[in-house]
């Protein structure tokens, strides 16, 4: 139980609508939510990234909410999170942090043309849960802290099944934190050694499925990525390369036309810039901004620029796995499950 924190967080807020039609069908939505979290406070001597991020808290949480709308459901989510302090020990009793959470939500009432025609937001029972938040905490005693903040939640299925307008929530939060075994935590700092730079060749493969039209067939999709990158510092890595996308829908004449199964209909892609934000020596966020040399509009590639954002974990020295969302103008194209391998050559 050493360095464990338990937090109960209550939230209340509203939904951000993407179009007036959804607002008219569902009306104004205000909801109540509950978070139960268990976190582990990092301290000096375990990982250099803990010091770089001001000794963050890592943990898992359980989320539950009600929209008071039978058409949406009463979702819950299980997720992992990291809460990063902002200017630790700036004030004796106050601390401030920002957090990032990622998990899986369930218990939605998905769209159904006969039984649930009013939920034009999501077409699946289970969806990805993304949470971003800011929080201020006041130390009441060695055992208790009282906090308040605000957050942004996003639910989406990554176009696995339409509709996938998604749900965006902006709540205010109040939290009570309990420390079962308070004690002195070592937040001391050491001199950070210079980073050993290296040229890296990153090879990745990702797979997923996508539904092009509501009620239609779902198609297999995959991505092959090849990138060169280098670390700018301990927290950031920058690179460039290319993605090649394969879409099974290119074989369907109803989707692609008379040239079905041709190379042009099956494949698309182009160059991209990759930006990695390292949270630990193994866990990092990875994003792409790319442009198509060739794209297929019938496959939902309507914009010349594509985006990819995800999380990856390096489970061996050179191998990693993760999940990403590919999108156009912040509208999900498909969700990718990724594996990859990195070839590294240190510079003298």
Protein backbone atom coordinates (compact mmCIF):
# COMPACT_ATOMS: atom_id res chain seq x y z
CA UNK A 1 0.00 0.00 0.00
CA UNK A 2 3.04 2.30 0.05
CA UNK A 3 2.58 5.46 -2.06
CA UNK A 4 -0.95 4.49 -3.17
CA UNK A 5 -3.69 7.10 -3.58
CA UNK A 6 -7.45 6.50 -3.84
CA UNK A 7 -9.62 9.17 -5.46
CA UNK A 8 -13.37 9.57 -5.85
CA UNK A 9 -14.28 12.18 -8.47
CA UNK A 10 -17.77 13.48 -9.23
CA UNK A 11 -18.43 15.32 -12.47
CA UNK A 12 -21.25 17.23 -14.10
CA UNK A 13 -21.36 18.72 -17.56
CA UNK A 14 -22.87 18.88 -20.99
CA UNK A 15 -22.40 17.48 -24.47
CA UNK A 16 -20.78 19.24 -27.41
CA UNK A 17 -22.87 18.70 -30.54
CA UNK A 18 -21.39 18.39 -34.02
CA UNK A 19 -24.61 19.24 -35.84
CA UNK A 20 -28.04 20.68 -35.14
CA UNK A 21 -29.86 17.54 -36.26
CA UNK A 22 -28.51 15.56 -33.31
CA UNK A 23 -29.39 18.41 -30.96
CA UNK A 24 -32.96 18.49 -32.25
CA UNK A 25 -33.38 14.72 -31.94
CA UNK A 26 -31.89 14.33 -28.45
CA UNK A 27 -32.40 17.79 -26.96
CA UNK A 28 -29.97 19.48 -24.60
CA UNK A 29 -28.03 16.89 -22.63
CA UNK A 30 -26.53 17.39 -19.18
CA UNK A 31 -25.11 14.39 -17.42
CA UNK A 32 -23.59 13.21 -14.14
CA UNK A 33 -20.50 11.02 -13.90
CA UNK A 34 -18.40 9.24 -11.32
CA UNK A 35 -14.72 8.24 -11.37
CA UNK A 36 -13.07 5.85 -8.93
CA UNK A 37 -9.28 5.81 -9.29
CA UNK A 38 -6.32 4.08 -7.74
CA UNK A 39 -2.91 5.60 -8.43
CA UNK A 40 0.72 4.91 -7.63
CA UNK A 41 2.88 7.92 -6.78
CA UNK A 42 6.33 7.70 -8.38
CA UNK A 43 9.44 8.90 -6.59
CA UNK A 44 13.19 9.32 -7.02
CA UNK A 45 15.32 6.42 -8.17
CA UNK A 46 12.95 4.32 -10.28
CA UNK A 47 12.96 5.87 -13.79
CA UNK A 48 14.62 9.01 -15.13
CA UNK A 49 11.33 9.93 -16.82
CA UNK A 50 9.64 10.19 -13.43
CA UNK A 51 11.94 13.10 -12.58
CA UNK A 52 11.52 14.64 -16.04
CA UNK A 53 7.74 14.70 -15.56
CA UNK A 54 7.85 15.96 -11.95
CA UNK A 55 7.11 12.51 -10.46
CA UNK A 56 3.69 11.71 -11.97
CA UNK A 57 0.96 9.42 -10.69
CA UNK A 58 0.13 6.32 -12.80
CA UNK A 59 -3.01 4.34 -12.23
CA UNK A 60 -6.27 2.76 -13.35
CA UNK A 61 -9.81 4.06 -13.05
CA UNK A 62 -13.44 3.07 -13.38
CA UNK A 63 -15.84 5.60 -14.94
CA UNK A 64 -19.64 5.58 -14.89
CA UNK A 65 -22.17 8.14 -16.13
CA UNK A 66 -25.82 8.70 -16.88
CA UNK A 67 -27.26 10.95 -19.58
CA UNK A 68 -30.88 10.46 -18.51
CA UNK A 69 -31.48 9.50 -22.14
CA UNK A 70 -32.48 5.89 -22.83
CA UNK A 71 -31.34 6.29 -26.44
CA UNK A 72 -27.70 6.76 -25.33
CA UNK A 73 -27.45 4.39 -22.38
CA UNK A 74 -25.55 4.48 -19.09
CA UNK A 75 -21.92 3.88 -20.12
CA UNK A 76 -19.01 2.84 -17.94
CA UNK A 77 -15.32 2.65 -18.79
CA UNK A 78 -12.15 1.01 -17.53
CA UNK A 79 -9.00 3.01 -18.28
CA UNK A 80 -5.39 3.72 -17.46
CA UNK A 81 -4.18 7.23 -16.68
CA UNK A 82 -1.15 9.38 -15.94
CA UNK A 83 -1.45 12.59 -13.89
CA UNK A 84 1.52 14.92 -14.36
CA UNK A 85 2.21 17.62 -11.71
CA UNK A 86 2.58 21.24 -12.82
CA UNK A 87 5.31 23.05 -10.84
CA UNK A 88 5.39 20.58 -7.90
CA UNK A 89 5.83 21.99 -4.40
CA UNK A 90 5.13 25.50 -5.67
CA UNK A 91 2.80 26.00 -2.71
CA UNK A 92 2.91 24.03 0.53
CA UNK A 93 -0.66 22.72 0.50
CA UNK A 94 -1.62 23.08 -3.18
CA UNK A 95 -0.71 20.96 -6.15
CA UNK A 96 -1.82 21.17 -9.78
CA UNK A 97 -1.73 18.48 -12.46
CA UNK A 98 -2.88 17.58 -15.95
CA UNK A 99 -3.90 14.06 -16.90
CA UNK A 100 -4.26 11.82 -19.91
CA UNK A 101 -6.49 8.72 -19.82
CA UNK A 102 -7.24 5.99 -22.35
CA UNK A 103 -9.57 3.03 -22.00
CA UNK A 104 -12.56 1.06 -23.23
CA UNK A 105 -16.19 2.01 -22.55
CA UNK A 106 -19.28 -0.19 -22.71
CA UNK A 107 -23.04 -0.25 -22.02
CA UNK A 108 -24.05 2.26 -24.69
CA UNK A 109 -27.37 1.81 -26.48
CA UNK A 110 -26.22 1.83 -30.13
CA UNK A 111 -28.17 3.12 -33.09
CA UNK A 112 -30.74 0.75 -34.49
CA UNK A 113 -33.11 1.84 -37.29
CA UNK A 114 -36.06 0.04 -35.64
CA UNK A 115 -35.42 -0.10 -31.90
CA UNK A 116 -33.19 2.95 -31.28
CA UNK A 117 -33.34 5.41 -34.21
CA UNK A 118 -32.54 8.49 -32.09
CA UNK A 119 -28.93 7.64 -31.24
CA UNK A 120 -27.17 9.06 -34.29
CA UNK A 121 -23.96 9.34 -32.28
CA UNK A 122 -22.65 5.78 -31.94
CA UNK A 123 -23.33 2.46 -33.62
CA UNK A 124 -21.63 0.14 -31.11
CA UNK A 125 -22.09 -1.02 -27.51
CA UNK A 126 -18.35 -0.66 -26.85
CA UNK A 127 -16.24 2.38 -27.70
CA UNK A 128 -12.85 3.94 -27.04
CA UNK A 129 -12.73 6.32 -24.06
CA UNK A 130 -10.30 9.27 -24.13
CA UNK A 131 -10.02 11.73 -21.25
CA UNK A 132 -7.98 14.92 -20.85
CA UNK A 133 -8.16 16.93 -17.65
CA UNK A 134 -6.78 19.61 -15.34
CA UNK A 135 -7.05 19.41 -11.56
CA UNK A 136 -6.08 21.47 -8.50
CA UNK A 137 -5.81 19.73 -5.12
CA UNK A 138 -5.69 21.21 -1.60
CA UNK A 139 -4.14 19.17 1.22
CA UNK A 140 -6.60 18.97 4.13
CA UNK A 141 -4.42 16.60 6.15
CA UNK A 142 -1.82 13.89 5.64
CA UNK A 143 -4.66 11.56 4.67
CA UNK A 144 -7.06 13.69 2.62
CA UNK A 145 -6.97 16.13 -0.31
CA UNK A 146 -9.86 18.07 -1.83
CA UNK A 147 -9.71 18.84 -5.55
CA UNK A 148 -11.55 20.54 -8.39
CA UNK A 149 -11.01 20.86 -12.14
CA UNK A 150 -12.43 20.37 -15.59
CA UNK A 151 -12.04 17.75 -18.31
CA UNK A 152 -12.77 16.69 -21.87
CA UNK A 153 -14.11 13.19 -22.66
CA UNK A 154 -14.42 11.58 -26.08
CA UNK A 155 -16.17 8.32 -27.00
CA UNK A 156 -15.71 6.81 -30.47
CA UNK A 157 -15.60 3.42 -32.19
CA UNK A 158 -13.11 4.49 -34.88
CA UNK A 159 -15.63 3.92 -37.71
CA UNK A 160 -15.86 0.19 -36.97
CA UNK A 161 -19.61 0.59 -37.25
CA UNK A 162 -21.58 3.67 -38.22
CA UNK A 163 -22.94 6.04 -37.11
CA UNK A 164 -19.76 7.29 -35.45
CA UNK A 165 -20.35 10.98 -34.87
CA UNK A 166 -18.91 10.34 -31.40
CA UNK A 167 -19.72 11.83 -28.02
CA UNK A 168 -17.77 14.80 -26.65
CA UNK A 169 -18.29 15.89 -23.03
CA UNK A 170 -16.96 18.89 -21.12
CA UNK A 171 -17.53 18.39 -17.36
CA UNK A 172 -16.56 20.24 -14.19
CA UNK A 173 -15.16 17.93 -11.51
CA UNK A 174 -14.87 17.73 -7.72
CA UNK A 175 -12.60 15.10 -6.12
CA UNK A 176 -11.68 13.68 -2.73
CA UNK A 177 -8.32 11.89 -2.49
CA UNK A 178 -7.39 9.48 0.31
CA UNK A 179 -3.80 8.46 1.09
CA UNK A 180 -3.96 5.20 3.14
CA UNK A 181 -0.35 5.30 4.31
CA UNK A 182 1.04 8.82 4.20
CA UNK A 183 4.77 9.19 4.47
CA UNK A 184 7.74 11.02 3.15
CA UNK A 185 8.20 10.63 -0.61
CA UNK A 186 11.55 11.32 -2.21
CA UNK A 187 11.05 14.05 -4.82
CA UNK A 188 14.72 14.94 -4.99
CA UNK A 189 16.34 15.57 -8.39
CA UNK A 190 19.60 14.50 -9.96
CA UNK A 191 21.58 15.95 -12.82
CA UNK A 192 20.12 14.51 -16.01
CA UNK A 193 22.86 12.91 -18.11
CA UNK A 194 23.18 13.93 -21.78
CA UNK A 195 20.93 11.95 -24.07
CA UNK A 196 22.68 9.45 -26.33
CA UNK A 197 21.42 10.29 -29.80
CA UNK A 198 20.70 7.60 -32.37
CA UNK A 199 19.34 7.24 -35.88
CA UNK A 200 16.32 4.93 -35.89
CA UNK A 201 14.49 3.11 -38.66
CA UNK A 202 10.96 2.32 -37.51
CA UNK A 203 8.94 -0.43 -39.25
CA UNK A 204 5.28 -0.88 -38.33
CA UNK A 205 2.22 -2.81 -39.41
CA UNK A 206 -1.34 -2.04 -38.29
CA UNK A 207 -4.74 -3.60 -38.99
CA UNK A 208 -8.39 -2.76 -38.40
CA UNK A 209 -11.85 -2.69 -39.97
CA UNK A 210 -14.07 0.09 -41.32
CA UNK A 211 -17.72 0.47 -42.28
CA UNK A 212 -18.09 2.91 -45.16
CA UNK A 213 -21.85 3.37 -45.00
CA UNK A 214 -24.38 2.96 -42.22
CA UNK A 215 -25.76 -0.57 -42.29
CA UNK A 216 -23.23 -1.62 -44.92
CA UNK A 217 -20.45 -4.18 -45.03
CA UNK A 218 -17.31 -3.83 -42.92
CA UNK A 219 -13.96 -4.00 -44.70
CA UNK A 220 -10.48 -4.98 -43.56
CA UNK A 221 -7.87 -2.19 -43.60
CA UNK A 222 -4.16 -2.18 -42.86
CA UNK A 223 -1.20 0.19 -42.74
CA UNK A 224 2.49 -0.33 -43.48
CA UNK A 225 4.77 2.40 -42.12
CA UNK A 226 8.48 3.05 -42.65
CA UNK A 227 10.06 6.01 -40.82
CA UNK A 228 13.44 7.46 -39.92
CA UNK A 229 13.53 9.38 -36.65
CA UNK A 230 15.81 10.91 -34.06
CA UNK A 231 15.34 12.08 -30.48
CA UNK A 232 15.30 15.84 -29.94
CA UNK A 233 15.50 15.35 -26.17
CA UNK A 234 14.27 12.86 -23.57
CA UNK A 235 10.61 13.79 -24.14
CA UNK A 236 10.34 14.35 -27.89
CA UNK A 237 11.28 12.39 -31.00
CA UNK A 238 10.82 13.61 -34.58
CA UNK A 239 10.96 11.74 -37.86
CA UNK A 240 9.80 11.41 -41.44
CA UNK A 241 8.77 8.58 -43.71
CA UNK A 242 5.72 7.16 -45.46
CA UNK A 243 2.53 5.16 -44.90
CA UNK A 244 0.93 2.74 -47.36
CA UNK A 245 -2.75 1.95 -46.69
CA UNK A 246 -4.52 -1.18 -47.94
CA UNK A 247 -8.34 -1.25 -48.14
CA UNK A 248 -10.37 -4.37 -48.85
CA UNK A 249 -13.20 -2.15 -50.12
CA UNK A 250 -11.13 -1.68 -53.30
CA UNK A 251 -12.21 -5.19 -54.31
CA UNK A 252 -15.91 -4.32 -54.13
CA UNK A 253 -17.33 -3.09 -57.45
CA UNK A 254 -20.22 -1.38 -55.64
CA UNK A 255 -17.66 0.75 -53.82
CA UNK A 256 -14.78 1.23 -56.27
CA UNK A 257 -16.45 0.80 -59.66
CA UNK A 258 -15.34 -1.11 -62.75
CA UNK A 259 -11.64 -1.05 -61.81
CA UNK A 260 -12.24 -3.08 -58.64
CA UNK A 261 -9.20 -4.98 -57.34
CA UNK A 262 -6.78 -2.80 -59.27
CA UNK A 263 -3.65 -1.61 -57.48
CA UNK A 264 -4.91 2.00 -57.39
CA UNK A 265 -8.19 0.99 -55.76
CA UNK A 266 -6.60 -1.29 -53.15
CA UNK A 267 -3.77 0.99 -52.04
CA UNK A 268 -3.26 4.63 -51.07
CA UNK A 269 -0.68 6.54 -49.06
CA UNK A 270 2.00 9.15 -48.99
CA UNK A 271 4.76 10.83 -46.98
CA UNK A 272 4.29 11.84 -43.35
CA UNK A 273 5.99 13.46 -40.38
CA UNK A 274 5.95 11.54 -37.10
CA UNK A 275 6.12 13.13 -33.64
CA UNK A 276 6.56 10.93 -30.54
CA UNK A 277 6.03 12.21 -27.01
CA UNK A 278 7.76 9.88 -24.53
CA UNK A 279 6.03 9.47 -21.14
CA UNK A 280 8.42 6.80 -19.82
CA UNK A 281 11.33 4.86 -21.27
CA UNK A 282 8.76 2.42 -22.76
CA UNK A 283 5.41 4.24 -23.02
CA UNK A 284 4.86 7.03 -25.55
CA UNK A 285 2.27 8.88 -27.62
CA UNK A 286 2.80 8.80 -31.38
CA UNK A 287 1.29 11.09 -34.00
CA UNK A 288 1.47 11.43 -37.81
CA UNK A 289 0.66 14.29 -40.14
CA UNK A 290 0.76 13.12 -43.75
CA UNK A 291 -0.45 13.90 -47.23
CA UNK A 292 -1.67 11.50 -49.90
CA UNK A 293 0.25 10.96 -53.10
CA UNK A 294 -2.69 8.75 -54.07
CA UNK A 295 -6.05 8.46 -52.32
CA UNK A 296 -9.45 6.85 -52.93
CA UNK A 297 -12.45 9.04 -52.25
CA UNK A 298 -14.85 6.07 -52.28
CA UNK A 299 -12.94 4.75 -49.27
CA UNK A 300 -13.50 7.88 -47.20
CA UNK A 301 -10.17 9.51 -48.09
CA UNK A 302 -11.86 12.78 -49.00
CA UNK A 303 -9.17 15.11 -47.65
CA UNK A 304 -5.60 15.33 -49.00
CA UNK A 305 -4.18 15.39 -45.45
CA UNK A 306 -4.44 12.51 -42.96
CA UNK A 307 -3.75 12.42 -39.22
CA UNK A 308 -2.87 9.54 -36.91
CA UNK A 309 -2.69 9.60 -33.13
CA UNK A 310 -2.12 6.74 -30.74
CA UNK A 311 -0.30 5.22 -27.82
CA UNK A 312 2.50 2.66 -28.00
CA UNK A 313 4.36 0.51 -25.50
CA UNK A 314 7.82 -0.93 -26.07
CA UNK A 315 7.70 -4.42 -24.54
CA UNK A 316 11.17 -5.48 -25.73
CA UNK A 317 14.27 -3.43 -26.47
CA UNK A 318 13.20 -2.95 -30.08
CA UNK A 319 9.62 -4.28 -30.41
CA UNK A 320 6.42 -2.40 -29.56
CA UNK A 321 2.64 -2.61 -29.80
CA UNK A 322 -0.16 -0.07 -29.58
CA UNK A 323 -3.40 1.37 -30.88
CA UNK A 324 -4.01 4.44 -33.08
CA UNK A 325 -6.82 6.36 -34.75
CA UNK A 326 -6.39 7.50 -38.37
CA UNK A 327 -8.51 10.53 -39.20
CA UNK A 328 -9.33 13.26 -41.72
CA UNK A 329 -10.12 16.72 -40.28
CA UNK A 330 -10.64 15.12 -36.85
CA UNK A 331 -13.20 12.63 -38.25
CA UNK A 332 -12.12 9.03 -37.59
CA UNK A 333 -11.16 6.93 -40.62
CA UNK A 334 -10.44 3.69 -38.75
CA UNK A 335 -8.86 2.33 -35.57
CA UNK A 336 -5.51 0.55 -35.97
CA UNK A 337 -3.93 -2.15 -33.81
CA UNK A 338 -0.20 -1.73 -34.33
CA UNK A 339 2.96 -3.82 -33.94
CA UNK A 340 6.40 -2.64 -34.90
CA UNK A 341 10.16 -2.98 -34.68
CA UNK A 342 12.87 -0.34 -34.40
CA UNK A 343 16.39 -0.62 -35.83
CA UNK A 344 18.74 1.72 -33.99
CA UNK A 345 22.27 2.94 -34.71
CA UNK A 346 23.94 5.13 -32.13
CA UNK A 347 25.99 8.05 -33.36
CA UNK A 348 29.54 8.45 -32.22
